[in-house]
Amino acid sequence: MKIQGVDASVLNQIQERTQKAKVQEAEKTRIDTENERRRRQEFSYHQSLESSVRQLNQMVETFNIQLRFKIDRESGEIVVLVIDKAKDKIIRRIPPDKIINLAAQMQHMVGLLVDELI
């Protein structure tokens, strides 16, 4: 069906603008969704790290050792410092991923000890 008085090039320009706006809106929605997903992952990761450090602090208290968070100047990443409380000296620097794994391993070892004692 052909409508009199409407130029096909004008109609094409209108369709292109409409399609561009829809594509831009879809891209903005995708980016917003991705940013929200990333923010939630980071929040969950930090909660897990804090929980792991708390557990490890409780476990190493008997050894007069303390764990502290610090941001590494070179990489900009969080590191966990193992501190000798008596001397207030850094014994070791541990990346956060290893802290989470270490806490899980120590929890497993405690579980094995408790299972054996009972």
C-alpha atoms as a PDB file:
ATOM      1  CA  MET A   1       0.000   0.000   0.000  1.00  0.00           C
ATOM      2  CA  LYS A   2       1.422   3.337  -1.016  1.00  0.00           C
ATOM      3  CA  ILE A   3       0.468   6.496   0.826  1.00  0.00           C
ATOM      4  CA  GLN A   4       0.423   9.615  -1.251  1.00  0.00           C
ATOM      5  CA  GLY A   5       2.574  12.523  -0.150  1.00  0.00           C
ATOM      6  CA  VAL A   6       5.098  10.579   1.993  1.00  0.00           C
ATOM      7  CA  ASP A   7       8.640  10.465   0.715  1.00  0.00           C
ATOM      8  CA  ALA A   8      10.320   7.064   1.192  1.00  0.00           C
ATOM      9  CA  SER A   9      13.649   8.659   2.212  1.00  0.00           C
ATOM     10  CA  VAL A  10      11.933  10.629   5.004  1.00  0.00           C
ATOM     11  CA  LEU A  11      10.248   7.449   6.193  1.00  0.00           C
ATOM     12  CA  ASN A  12      13.622   5.637   6.166  1.00  0.00           C
ATOM     13  CA  GLN A  13      15.238   8.428   8.211  1.00  0.00           C
ATOM     14  CA  ILE A  14      12.490   8.212  10.818  1.00  0.00           C
ATOM     15  CA  GLN A  15      12.852   4.422  11.019  1.00  0.00           C
ATOM     16  CA  GLU A  16      16.644   4.709  11.398  1.00  0.00           C
ATOM     17  CA  ARG A  17      16.317   7.208  14.251  1.00  0.00           C
ATOM     18  CA  THR A  18      13.773   5.022  16.004  1.00  0.00           C
ATOM     19  CA  GLN A  19      15.958   1.937  15.622  1.00  0.00           C
ATOM     20  CA  LYS A  20      19.066   3.786  16.870  1.00  0.00           C
ATOM     21  CA  ALA A  21      17.185   4.988  19.944  1.00  0.00           C
ATOM     22  CA  LYS A  22      15.988   1.438  20.678  1.00  0.00           C
ATOM     23  CA  VAL A  23      19.504   0.035  20.253  1.00  0.00           C
ATOM     24  CA  GLN A  24      20.975   2.723  22.507  1.00  0.00           C
ATOM     25  CA  GLU A  25      18.343   2.063  25.181  1.00  0.00           C
ATOM     26  CA  ALA A  26      18.964  -1.698  25.003  1.00  0.00           C
ATOM     27  CA  GLU A  27      22.736  -1.139  25.293  1.00  0.00           C
ATOM     28  CA  LYS A  28      22.259   1.178  28.285  1.00  0.00           C
ATOM     29  CA  THR A  29      20.066  -1.429  29.987  1.00  0.00           C
ATOM     30  CA  ARG A  30      22.654  -4.150  29.312  1.00  0.00           C
ATOM     31  CA  ILE A  31      25.468  -2.002  30.743  1.00  0.00           C
ATOM     32  CA  ASP A  32      23.408  -1.092  33.828  1.00  0.00           C
ATOM     33  CA  THR A  33      22.595  -4.753  34.417  1.00  0.00           C
ATOM     34  CA  GLU A  34      26.240  -5.762  34.025  1.00  0.00           C
ATOM     35  CA  ASN A  35      27.391  -3.026  36.425  1.00  0.00           C
ATOM     36  CA  GLU A  36      24.836  -4.113  39.034  1.00  0.00           C
ATOM     37  CA  ARG A  37      25.914  -7.764  38.688  1.00  0.00           C
ATOM     38  CA  ARG A  38      29.571  -6.768  39.085  1.00  0.00           C
ATOM     39  CA  ARG A  39      28.775  -4.619  42.140  1.00  0.00           C
ATOM     40  CA  ARG A  40      26.939  -7.503  43.801  1.00  0.00           C
ATOM     41  CA  GLN A  41      29.821  -9.887  43.101  1.00  0.00           C
ATOM     42  CA  GLU A  42      32.332  -7.459  44.612  1.00  0.00           C
ATOM     43  CA  PHE A  43      30.144  -6.953  47.683  1.00  0.00           C
ATOM     44  CA  SER A  44      29.784 -10.713  48.146  1.00  0.00           C
ATOM     45  CA  TYR A  45      33.530 -11.199  47.650  1.00  0.00           C
ATOM     46  CA  HIS A  46      34.373  -8.547  50.277  1.00  0.00           C
ATOM     47  CA  GLN A  47      31.906 -10.075  52.739  1.00  0.00           C
ATOM     48  CA  SER A  48      33.476 -13.487  52.205  1.00  0.00           C
ATOM     49  CA  LEU A  49      36.965 -12.049  52.667  1.00  0.00           C
ATOM     50  CA  GLU A  50      36.009 -10.227  55.873  1.00  0.00           C
ATOM     51  CA  SER A  51      34.364 -13.348  57.267  1.00  0.00           C
ATOM     52  CA  SER A  52      37.434 -15.431  56.423  1.00  0.00           C
ATOM     53  CA  VAL A  53      39.763 -12.951  58.109  1.00  0.00           C
ATOM     54  CA  ARG A  54      37.557 -12.896  61.222  1.00  0.00           C
ATOM     55  CA  GLN A  55      37.654 -16.706  61.398  1.00  0.00           C
ATOM     56  CA  LEU A  56      41.398 -16.805  60.891  1.00  0.00           C
ATOM     57  CA  ASN A  57      41.943 -14.091  63.528  1.00  0.00           C
ATOM     58  CA  GLN A  58      40.047 -16.226  66.025  1.00  0.00           C
ATOM     59  CA  MET A  59      42.077 -19.301  65.117  1.00  0.00           C
ATOM     60  CA  VAL A  60      45.507 -17.619  65.248  1.00  0.00           C
ATOM     61  CA  GLU A  61      44.878 -15.632  68.438  1.00  0.00           C
ATOM     62  CA  THR A  62      46.591 -18.340  70.486  1.00  0.00           C
ATOM     63  CA  PHE A  63      49.763 -17.881  68.440  1.00  0.00           C
ATOM     64  CA  ASN A  64      49.907 -14.143  69.211  1.00  0.00           C
ATOM     65  CA  ILE A  65      49.325 -13.326  65.530  1.00  0.00           C
ATOM     66  CA  GLN A  66      46.990 -10.770  63.987  1.00  0.00           C
ATOM     67  CA  LEU A  67      45.664 -10.303  60.440  1.00  0.00           C
ATOM     68  CA  ARG A  68      45.270  -6.807  58.934  1.00  0.00           C
ATOM     69  CA  PHE A  69      43.923  -5.495  55.643  1.00  0.00           C
ATOM     70  CA  LYS A  70      46.030  -3.165  53.540  1.00  0.00           C
ATOM     71  CA  ILE A  71      45.818  -1.830  49.993  1.00  0.00           C
ATOM     72  CA  ASP A  72      48.975  -2.605  48.050  1.00  0.00           C
ATOM     73  CA  ARG A  73      50.341   0.617  46.528  1.00  0.00           C
ATOM     74  CA  GLU A  74      51.764  -1.046  43.420  1.00  0.00           C
ATOM     75  CA  SER A  75      48.812  -3.226  42.397  1.00  0.00           C
ATOM     76  CA  GLY A  76      46.015  -1.336  44.138  1.00  0.00           C
ATOM     77  CA  GLU A  77      44.694  -4.646  45.470  1.00  0.00           C
ATOM     78  CA  ILE A  78      43.796  -5.573  49.002  1.00  0.00           C
ATOM     79  CA  VAL A  79      46.374  -7.739  50.769  1.00  0.00           C
ATOM     80  CA  VAL A  80      46.189  -9.328  54.179  1.00  0.00           C
ATOM     81  CA  LEU A  81      49.170  -8.828  56.451  1.00  0.00           C
ATOM     82  CA  VAL A  82      50.081 -11.445  59.041  1.00  0.00           C
ATOM     83  CA  ILE A  83      51.436  -9.500  62.030  1.00  0.00           C
ATOM     84  CA  ASP A  84      53.418 -10.770  65.015  1.00  0.00           C
ATOM     85  CA  LYS A  85      51.662  -8.940  67.873  1.00  0.00           C
ATOM     86  CA  ALA A  86      54.623  -9.100  70.246  1.00  0.00           C
ATOM     87  CA  LYS A  87      57.042  -7.458  67.813  1.00  0.00           C
ATOM     88  CA  ASP A  88      54.448  -5.606  65.703  1.00  0.00           C
ATOM     89  CA  LYS A  89      56.248  -6.882  62.585  1.00  0.00           C
ATOM     90  CA  ILE A  90      54.858  -8.149  59.311  1.00  0.00           C
ATOM     91  CA  ILE A  91      55.466 -11.879  59.017  1.00  0.00           C
ATOM     92  CA  ARG A  92      53.782 -12.419  55.657  1.00  0.00           C
ATOM     93  CA  ARG A  93      51.631 -10.749  52.974  1.00  0.00           C
ATOM     94  CA  ILE A  94      48.788 -12.845  51.584  1.00  0.00           C
ATOM     95  CA  PRO A  95      46.550 -12.050  48.593  1.00  0.00           C
ATOM     96  CA  PRO A  96      42.830 -12.065  49.468  1.00  0.00           C
ATOM     97  CA  ASP A  97      41.992 -15.114  47.330  1.00  0.00           C
ATOM     98  CA  LYS A  98      44.432 -17.216  49.312  1.00  0.00           C
ATOM     99  CA  ILE A  99      42.922 -15.988  52.601  1.00  0.00           C
ATOM    100  CA  ILE A 100      39.501 -17.318  51.631  1.00  0.00           C
ATOM    101  CA  ASN A 101      41.018 -20.681  50.651  1.00  0.00           C
ATOM    102  CA  LEU A 102      43.135 -20.777  53.810  1.00  0.00           C
ATOM    103  CA  ALA A 103      40.101 -20.122  56.024  1.00  0.00           C
ATOM    104  CA  ALA A 104      38.196 -22.941  54.327  1.00  0.00           C
ATOM    105  CA  GLN A 105      41.144 -25.328  54.776  1.00  0.00           C
ATOM    106  CA  MET A 106      41.545 -24.398  58.442  1.00  0.00           C
ATOM    107  CA  GLN A 107      37.817 -24.846  59.024  1.00  0.00           C
ATOM    108  CA  HIS A 108      38.104 -28.287  57.421  1.00  0.00           C
ATOM    109  CA  MET A 109      41.067 -29.176  59.657  1.00  0.00           C
ATOM    110  CA  VAL A 110      39.173 -28.053  62.768  1.00  0.00           C
ATOM    111  CA  GLY A 111      36.263 -30.183  61.618  1.00  0.00           C
ATOM    112  CA  LEU A 112      38.545 -33.195  61.252  1.00  0.00           C
ATOM    113  CA  LEU A 113      39.923 -32.676  64.762  1.00  0.00           C
ATOM    114  CA  VAL A 114      36.474 -32.323  66.274  1.00  0.00           C
ATOM    115  CA  ASP A 115      35.186 -35.370  64.390  1.00  0.00           C
ATOM    116  CA  GLU A 116      38.134 -37.402  65.642  1.00  0.00           C
ATOM    117  CA  LEU A 117      37.695 -36.292  69.255  1.00  0.00           C
ATOM    118  CA  ILE A 118      34.006 -37.161  69.323  1.00  0.00           C
END
